[in-house]
Amino acid sequence: MVKIINTRLNYYLSTNNILQKNNQAGVQGASCNEIILQIQAIIDHQHDTKNPFYPALQDLSKAYDRVDLNLLQLALKRINIPSNLISFIDRLFSHHRNQIIFPFGYGSEYTTTNGIIQGEVISPLLWVIYYDPMFTAINQSPYQGYDLHASIPKNIFHKEDRHEISINVKLLGYLDDMT
């Protein structure tokens, strides 16, 4: 059941361009390649132009465990997910029983009070939905970011006819890793 919901939610997000372009990890048709290429392009551009560049890297430990389920509900409402689906997702993760596996056996069970399950198929998608409001706020902020410009020939035989590309990068993220 969760796999079906994940597939449909993924389709909804990918066909309607709901999430920020720099927060697409786990969404159908996206990969970490775009993020890696943008970071490499910024590093190369900075090296060539001597522009200042100060990357900040963040890797959130136990990221899924720290997801606040109330904020997740708000993030799901923000992108117009139906209330019955939000309730299902909340019940899936609320009061979940967990157990630690040790080399000598299993630890005592305990009930989780917050977070989403690391191994659940829908968790990566819920993570990007959960973090998308932050990406939106940063993308809409007056902070300048890093401007990249490129001029690419449209045709190798007519190099004067060029396609101009310009992007502004303020934040790049792939699941719980951000630059």
C-alpha atoms as a PDB file:
ATOM      1  CA  MET A   1       0.000   0.000   0.000  1.00  0.00           C
ATOM      2  CA  VAL A   2       2.782   2.450   0.944  1.00  0.00           C
ATOM      3  CA  LYS A   3       4.627   1.678  -2.297  1.00  0.00           C
ATOM      4  CA  ILE A   4       1.514   2.545  -4.338  1.00  0.00           C
ATOM      5  CA  ILE A   5       1.078   5.819  -2.437  1.00  0.00           C
ATOM      6  CA  ASN A   6       4.768   6.606  -2.939  1.00  0.00           C
ATOM      7  CA  THR A   7       4.487   5.992  -6.695  1.00  0.00           C
ATOM      8  CA  ARG A   8       1.414   8.211  -7.028  1.00  0.00           C
ATOM      9  CA  LEU A   9       2.830  10.956  -4.819  1.00  0.00           C
ATOM     10  CA  ASN A  10       6.052  10.862  -6.819  1.00  0.00           C
ATOM     11  CA  TYR A  11       4.095  11.165 -10.064  1.00  0.00           C
ATOM     12  CA  TYR A  12       2.099  14.103  -8.642  1.00  0.00           C
ATOM     13  CA  LEU A  13       5.271  15.931  -7.595  1.00  0.00           C
ATOM     14  CA  SER A  14       7.199  15.292 -10.817  1.00  0.00           C
ATOM     15  CA  THR A  15       4.415  16.181 -13.255  1.00  0.00           C
ATOM     16  CA  ASN A  16       3.285  19.340 -11.452  1.00  0.00           C
ATOM     17  CA  ASN A  17       6.718  20.820 -10.624  1.00  0.00           C
ATOM     18  CA  ILE A  18       5.663  21.445  -7.035  1.00  0.00           C
ATOM     19  CA  LEU A  19       9.031  21.215  -5.289  1.00  0.00           C
ATOM     20  CA  GLN A  20      11.890  23.659  -5.733  1.00  0.00           C
ATOM     21  CA  LYS A  21      14.263  22.803  -8.594  1.00  0.00           C
ATOM     22  CA  ASN A  22      17.188  22.501  -6.169  1.00  0.00           C
ATOM     23  CA  ASN A  23      15.266  20.053  -3.939  1.00  0.00           C
ATOM     24  CA  GLN A  24      14.419  17.150  -6.237  1.00  0.00           C
ATOM     25  CA  ALA A  25      16.146  14.160  -4.598  1.00  0.00           C
ATOM     26  CA  GLY A  26      13.959  11.095  -4.755  1.00  0.00           C
ATOM     27  CA  VAL A  27      11.564  12.659  -7.255  1.00  0.00           C
ATOM     28  CA  GLN A  28      10.994  10.746 -10.481  1.00  0.00           C
ATOM     29  CA  GLY A  29      13.376  11.913 -13.219  1.00  0.00           C
ATOM     30  CA  ALA A  30      15.862  13.586 -10.860  1.00  0.00           C
ATOM     31  CA  SER A  31      19.212  12.384  -9.609  1.00  0.00           C
ATOM     32  CA  CYS A  32      22.220  13.638  -7.705  1.00  0.00           C
ATOM     33  CA  ASN A  33      24.047  14.180 -11.038  1.00  0.00           C
ATOM     34  CA  GLU A  34      22.542  17.639 -11.568  1.00  0.00           C
ATOM     35  CA  ILE A  35      23.620  18.745  -8.106  1.00  0.00           C
ATOM     36  CA  ILE A  36      27.141  17.356  -8.465  1.00  0.00           C
ATOM     37  CA  LEU A  37      27.526  18.992 -11.904  1.00  0.00           C
ATOM     38  CA  GLN A  38      26.330  22.363 -10.569  1.00  0.00           C
ATOM     39  CA  ILE A  39      28.758  22.220  -7.656  1.00  0.00           C
ATOM     40  CA  GLN A  40      31.597  21.274 -10.025  1.00  0.00           C
ATOM     41  CA  ALA A  41      30.621  24.076 -12.428  1.00  0.00           C
ATOM     42  CA  ILE A  42      30.698  26.607  -9.577  1.00  0.00           C
ATOM     43  CA  ILE A  43      34.114  25.370  -8.431  1.00  0.00           C
ATOM     44  CA  ASP A  44      35.469  25.536 -12.007  1.00  0.00           C
ATOM     45  CA  HIS A  45      33.930  28.977 -12.588  1.00  0.00           C
ATOM     46  CA  GLN A  46      35.344  30.288  -9.322  1.00  0.00           C
ATOM     47  CA  HIS A  47      38.763  28.913 -10.195  1.00  0.00           C
ATOM     48  CA  ASP A  48      38.699  30.581 -13.638  1.00  0.00           C
ATOM     49  CA  THR A  49      37.288  33.949 -12.529  1.00  0.00           C
ATOM     50  CA  LYS A  50      38.842  34.142  -9.050  1.00  0.00           C
ATOM     51  CA  ASN A  51      35.417  35.105  -7.668  1.00  0.00           C
ATOM     52  CA  PRO A  52      35.031  34.466  -3.946  1.00  0.00           C
ATOM     53  CA  PHE A  53      33.254  31.229  -3.150  1.00  0.00           C
ATOM     54  CA  TYR A  54      32.623  29.914   0.345  1.00  0.00           C
ATOM     55  CA  PRO A  55      30.684  26.664   0.264  1.00  0.00           C
ATOM     56  CA  ALA A  56      28.972  25.461   3.415  1.00  0.00           C
ATOM     57  CA  LEU A  57      28.272  21.757   3.605  1.00  0.00           C
ATOM     58  CA  GLN A  58      25.757  20.194   5.954  1.00  0.00           C
ATOM     59  CA  ASP A  59      25.082  16.524   6.561  1.00  0.00           C
ATOM     60  CA  LEU A  60      22.259  16.059   9.040  1.00  0.00           C
ATOM     61  CA  SER A  61      22.815  13.108  11.342  1.00  0.00           C
ATOM     62  CA  LYS A  62      19.726  11.048  12.143  1.00  0.00           C
ATOM     63  CA  ALA A  63      17.824  13.354   9.795  1.00  0.00           C
ATOM     64  CA  TYR A  64      14.767  11.136   9.380  1.00  0.00           C
ATOM     65  CA  ASP A  65      14.525  10.623  13.154  1.00  0.00           C
ATOM     66  CA  ARG A  66      14.314  14.389  13.641  1.00  0.00           C
ATOM     67  CA  VAL A  67      11.360  15.003  11.322  1.00  0.00           C
ATOM     68  CA  ASP A  68       8.606  16.653  13.347  1.00  0.00           C
ATOM     69  CA  LEU A  69       5.372  14.930  12.314  1.00  0.00           C
ATOM     70  CA  ASN A  70       3.285  18.070  12.970  1.00  0.00           C
ATOM     71  CA  LEU A  71       5.522  20.082  10.642  1.00  0.00           C
ATOM     72  CA  LEU A  72       5.393  17.253   8.097  1.00  0.00           C
ATOM     73  CA  GLN A  73       1.596  17.521   8.126  1.00  0.00           C
ATOM     74  CA  LEU A  74       1.865  21.266   7.445  1.00  0.00           C
ATOM     75  CA  ALA A  75       4.341  20.647   4.615  1.00  0.00           C
ATOM     76  CA  LEU A  76       1.949  18.107   3.058  1.00  0.00           C
ATOM     77  CA  LYS A  77      -0.985  20.539   3.373  1.00  0.00           C
ATOM     78  CA  ARG A  78       1.176  23.237   1.752  1.00  0.00           C
ATOM     79  CA  ILE A  79       1.383  21.186  -1.462  1.00  0.00           C
ATOM     80  CA  ASN A  80      -2.330  20.292  -1.396  1.00  0.00           C
ATOM     81  CA  ILE A  81      -2.096  16.651  -0.354  1.00  0.00           C
ATOM     82  CA  PRO A  82      -5.599  15.374   0.582  1.00  0.00           C
ATOM     83  CA  SER A  83      -6.299  15.234   4.324  1.00  0.00           C
ATOM     84  CA  ASN A  84      -7.084  11.490   4.276  1.00  0.00           C
ATOM     85  CA  LEU A  85      -3.622  10.797   2.812  1.00  0.00           C
ATOM     86  CA  ILE A  86      -1.997  13.094   5.377  1.00  0.00           C
ATOM     87  CA  SER A  87      -3.788  11.159   8.137  1.00  0.00           C
ATOM     88  CA  PHE A  88      -2.592   7.849   6.678  1.00  0.00           C
ATOM     89  CA  ILE A  89       1.016   9.071   6.589  1.00  0.00           C
ATOM     90  CA  ASP A  90       0.725  10.387  10.148  1.00  0.00           C
ATOM     91  CA  ARG A  91      -0.636   7.045  11.400  1.00  0.00           C
ATOM     92  CA  LEU A  92       2.137   5.211   9.541  1.00  0.00           C
ATOM     93  CA  PHE A  93       4.818   6.968  11.580  1.00  0.00           C
ATOM     94  CA  SER A  94       3.068   7.897  14.855  1.00  0.00           C
ATOM     95  CA  HIS A  95       3.815   5.672  17.842  1.00  0.00           C
ATOM     96  CA  HIS A  96       5.947   3.345  15.762  1.00  0.00           C
ATOM     97  CA  ARG A  97       7.632   0.554  17.711  1.00  0.00           C
ATOM     98  CA  ASN A  98      11.368   0.258  17.238  1.00  0.00           C
ATOM     99  CA  GLN A  99      14.077  -2.144  18.352  1.00  0.00           C
ATOM    100  CA  ILE A 100      17.876  -2.002  18.190  1.00  0.00           C
ATOM    101  CA  ILE A 101      19.766  -5.003  16.834  1.00  0.00           C
ATOM    102  CA  PHE A 102      22.951  -5.813  18.767  1.00  0.00           C
ATOM    103  CA  PRO A 103      25.575  -8.461  17.870  1.00  0.00           C
ATOM    104  CA  PHE A 104      24.298 -10.566  20.778  1.00  0.00           C
ATOM    105  CA  GLY A 105      20.579 -10.133  20.086  1.00  0.00           C
ATOM    106  CA  TYR A 106      17.754  -7.604  20.102  1.00  0.00           C
ATOM    107  CA  GLY A 107      17.344  -4.718  22.517  1.00  0.00           C
ATOM    108  CA  SER A 108      14.101  -3.820  24.229  1.00  0.00           C
ATOM    109  CA  GLU A 109      11.320  -2.380  22.096  1.00  0.00           C
ATOM    110  CA  TYR A 110      10.475   1.274  22.483  1.00  0.00           C
ATOM    111  CA  THR A 111       7.887   3.597  20.960  1.00  0.00           C
ATOM    112  CA  THR A 112       9.106   6.465  18.803  1.00  0.00           C
ATOM    113  CA  THR A 113       7.611   9.878  19.455  1.00  0.00           C
ATOM    114  CA  ASN A 114       8.715  11.581  16.269  1.00  0.00           C
ATOM    115  CA  GLY A 115      10.457  11.007  12.969  1.00  0.00           C
ATOM    116  CA  ILE A 116       9.976   8.920   9.871  1.00  0.00           C
ATOM    117  CA  ILE A 117      11.357   5.437   9.342  1.00  0.00           C
ATOM    118  CA  GLN A 118      14.687   5.303   7.490  1.00  0.00           C
ATOM    119  CA  GLY A 119      13.878   2.119   5.557  1.00  0.00           C
ATOM    120  CA  GLU A 120      10.311   2.989   4.575  1.00  0.00           C
ATOM    121  CA  VAL A 121       9.919   3.406   0.794  1.00  0.00           C
ATOM    122  CA  ILE A 122       8.095   6.756   1.100  1.00  0.00           C
ATOM    123  CA  SER A 123      10.557   8.346   3.563  1.00  0.00           C
ATOM    124  CA  PRO A 124      12.955   9.982   1.032  1.00  0.00           C
ATOM    125  CA  LEU A 125      10.013  11.649  -0.706  1.00  0.00           C
ATOM    126  CA  LEU A 126       8.556  12.836   2.602  1.00  0.00           C
ATOM    127  CA  TRP A 127      11.959  14.253   3.511  1.00  0.00           C
ATOM    128  CA  VAL A 128      12.128  16.513   0.433  1.00  0.00           C
ATOM    129  CA  ILE A 129       8.520  17.607   1.005  1.00  0.00           C
ATOM    130  CA  TYR A 130       9.364  18.362   4.641  1.00  0.00           C
ATOM    131  CA  TYR A 131      12.406  20.460   3.713  1.00  0.00           C
ATOM    132  CA  ASP A 132      10.910  22.223   0.682  1.00  0.00           C
ATOM    133  CA  PRO A 133       9.604  25.246   2.655  1.00  0.00           C
ATOM    134  CA  MET A 134      13.198  26.014   3.686  1.00  0.00           C
ATOM    135  CA  PHE A 135      14.366  25.748   0.063  1.00  0.00           C
ATOM    136  CA  THR A 136      11.515  28.056  -0.978  1.00  0.00           C
ATOM    137  CA  ALA A 137      12.425  30.649   1.665  1.00  0.00           C
ATOM    138  CA  ILE A 138      16.111  30.627   0.679  1.00  0.00           C
ATOM    139  CA  ASN A 139      15.356  30.729  -3.060  1.00  0.00           C
ATOM    140  CA  GLN A 140      13.037  33.721  -2.549  1.00  0.00           C
ATOM    141  CA  SER A 141      15.414  35.534  -0.185  1.00  0.00           C
ATOM    142  CA  PRO A 142      17.319  38.637  -1.276  1.00  0.00           C
ATOM    143  CA  TYR A 143      20.589  36.735  -0.752  1.00  0.00           C
ATOM    144  CA  GLN A 144      22.455  36.886  -4.047  1.00  0.00           C
ATOM    145  CA  GLY A 145      23.735  33.322  -4.358  1.00  0.00           C
ATOM    146  CA  TYR A 146      26.234  32.386  -7.054  1.00  0.00           C
ATOM    147  CA  ASP A 147      25.622  33.328 -10.694  1.00  0.00           C
ATOM    148  CA  LEU A 148      26.782  30.979 -13.426  1.00  0.00           C
ATOM    149  CA  HIS A 149      26.770  31.941 -17.098  1.00  0.00           C
ATOM    150  CA  ALA A 150      27.595  29.783 -20.088  1.00  0.00           C
ATOM    151  CA  SER A 151      27.556  30.283 -23.829  1.00  0.00           C
ATOM    152  CA  ILE A 152      27.162  27.058 -25.777  1.00  0.00           C
ATOM    153  CA  PRO A 153      27.198  26.687 -29.579  1.00  0.00           C
ATOM    154  CA  LYS A 154      23.830  25.537 -30.923  1.00  0.00           C
ATOM    155  CA  ASN A 155      25.543  23.887 -33.858  1.00  0.00           C
ATOM    156  CA  ILE A 156      29.148  22.747 -34.052  1.00  0.00           C
ATOM    157  CA  PHE A 157      29.402  24.015 -37.643  1.00  0.00           C
ATOM    158  CA  HIS A 158      28.100  27.515 -36.800  1.00  0.00           C
ATOM    159  CA  LYS A 159      29.786  28.400 -33.534  1.00  0.00           C
ATOM    160  CA  GLU A 160      28.647  32.019 -33.707  1.00  0.00           C
ATOM    161  CA  ASP A 161      25.020  30.919 -33.153  1.00  0.00           C
ATOM    162  CA  ARG A 162      25.031  30.305 -29.415  1.00  0.00           C
ATOM    163  CA  HIS A 163      22.658  29.362 -26.648  1.00  0.00           C
ATOM    164  CA  GLU A 164      23.104  31.483 -23.516  1.00  0.00           C
ATOM    165  CA  ILE A 165      22.498  29.813 -20.158  1.00  0.00           C
ATOM    166  CA  SER A 166      22.366  31.609 -16.847  1.00  0.00           C
ATOM    167  CA  ILE A 167      21.537  30.147 -13.437  1.00  0.00           C
ATOM    168  CA  ASN A 168      21.654  31.457  -9.897  1.00  0.00           C
ATOM    169  CA  VAL A 169      22.526  28.938  -7.197  1.00  0.00           C
ATOM    170  CA  LYS A 170      21.660  29.711  -3.588  1.00  0.00           C
ATOM    171  CA  LEU A 171      21.317  26.229  -2.168  1.00  0.00           C
ATOM    172  CA  LEU A 172      21.731  22.687  -3.432  1.00  0.00           C
ATOM    173  CA  GLY A 173      20.423  19.665  -1.599  1.00  0.00           C
ATOM    174  CA  TYR A 174      20.284  15.934  -1.976  1.00  0.00           C
ATOM    175  CA  LEU A 175      18.190  14.388   0.780  1.00  0.00           C
ATOM    176  CA  ASP A 176      19.973  15.217   4.053  1.00  0.00           C
ATOM    177  CA  ASP A 177      23.123  16.682   2.436  1.00  0.00           C
ATOM    178  CA  MET A 178      23.079  20.397   1.587  1.00  0.00           C
ATOM    179  CA  THR A 179      25.545  22.821   0.016  1.00  0.00           C
END
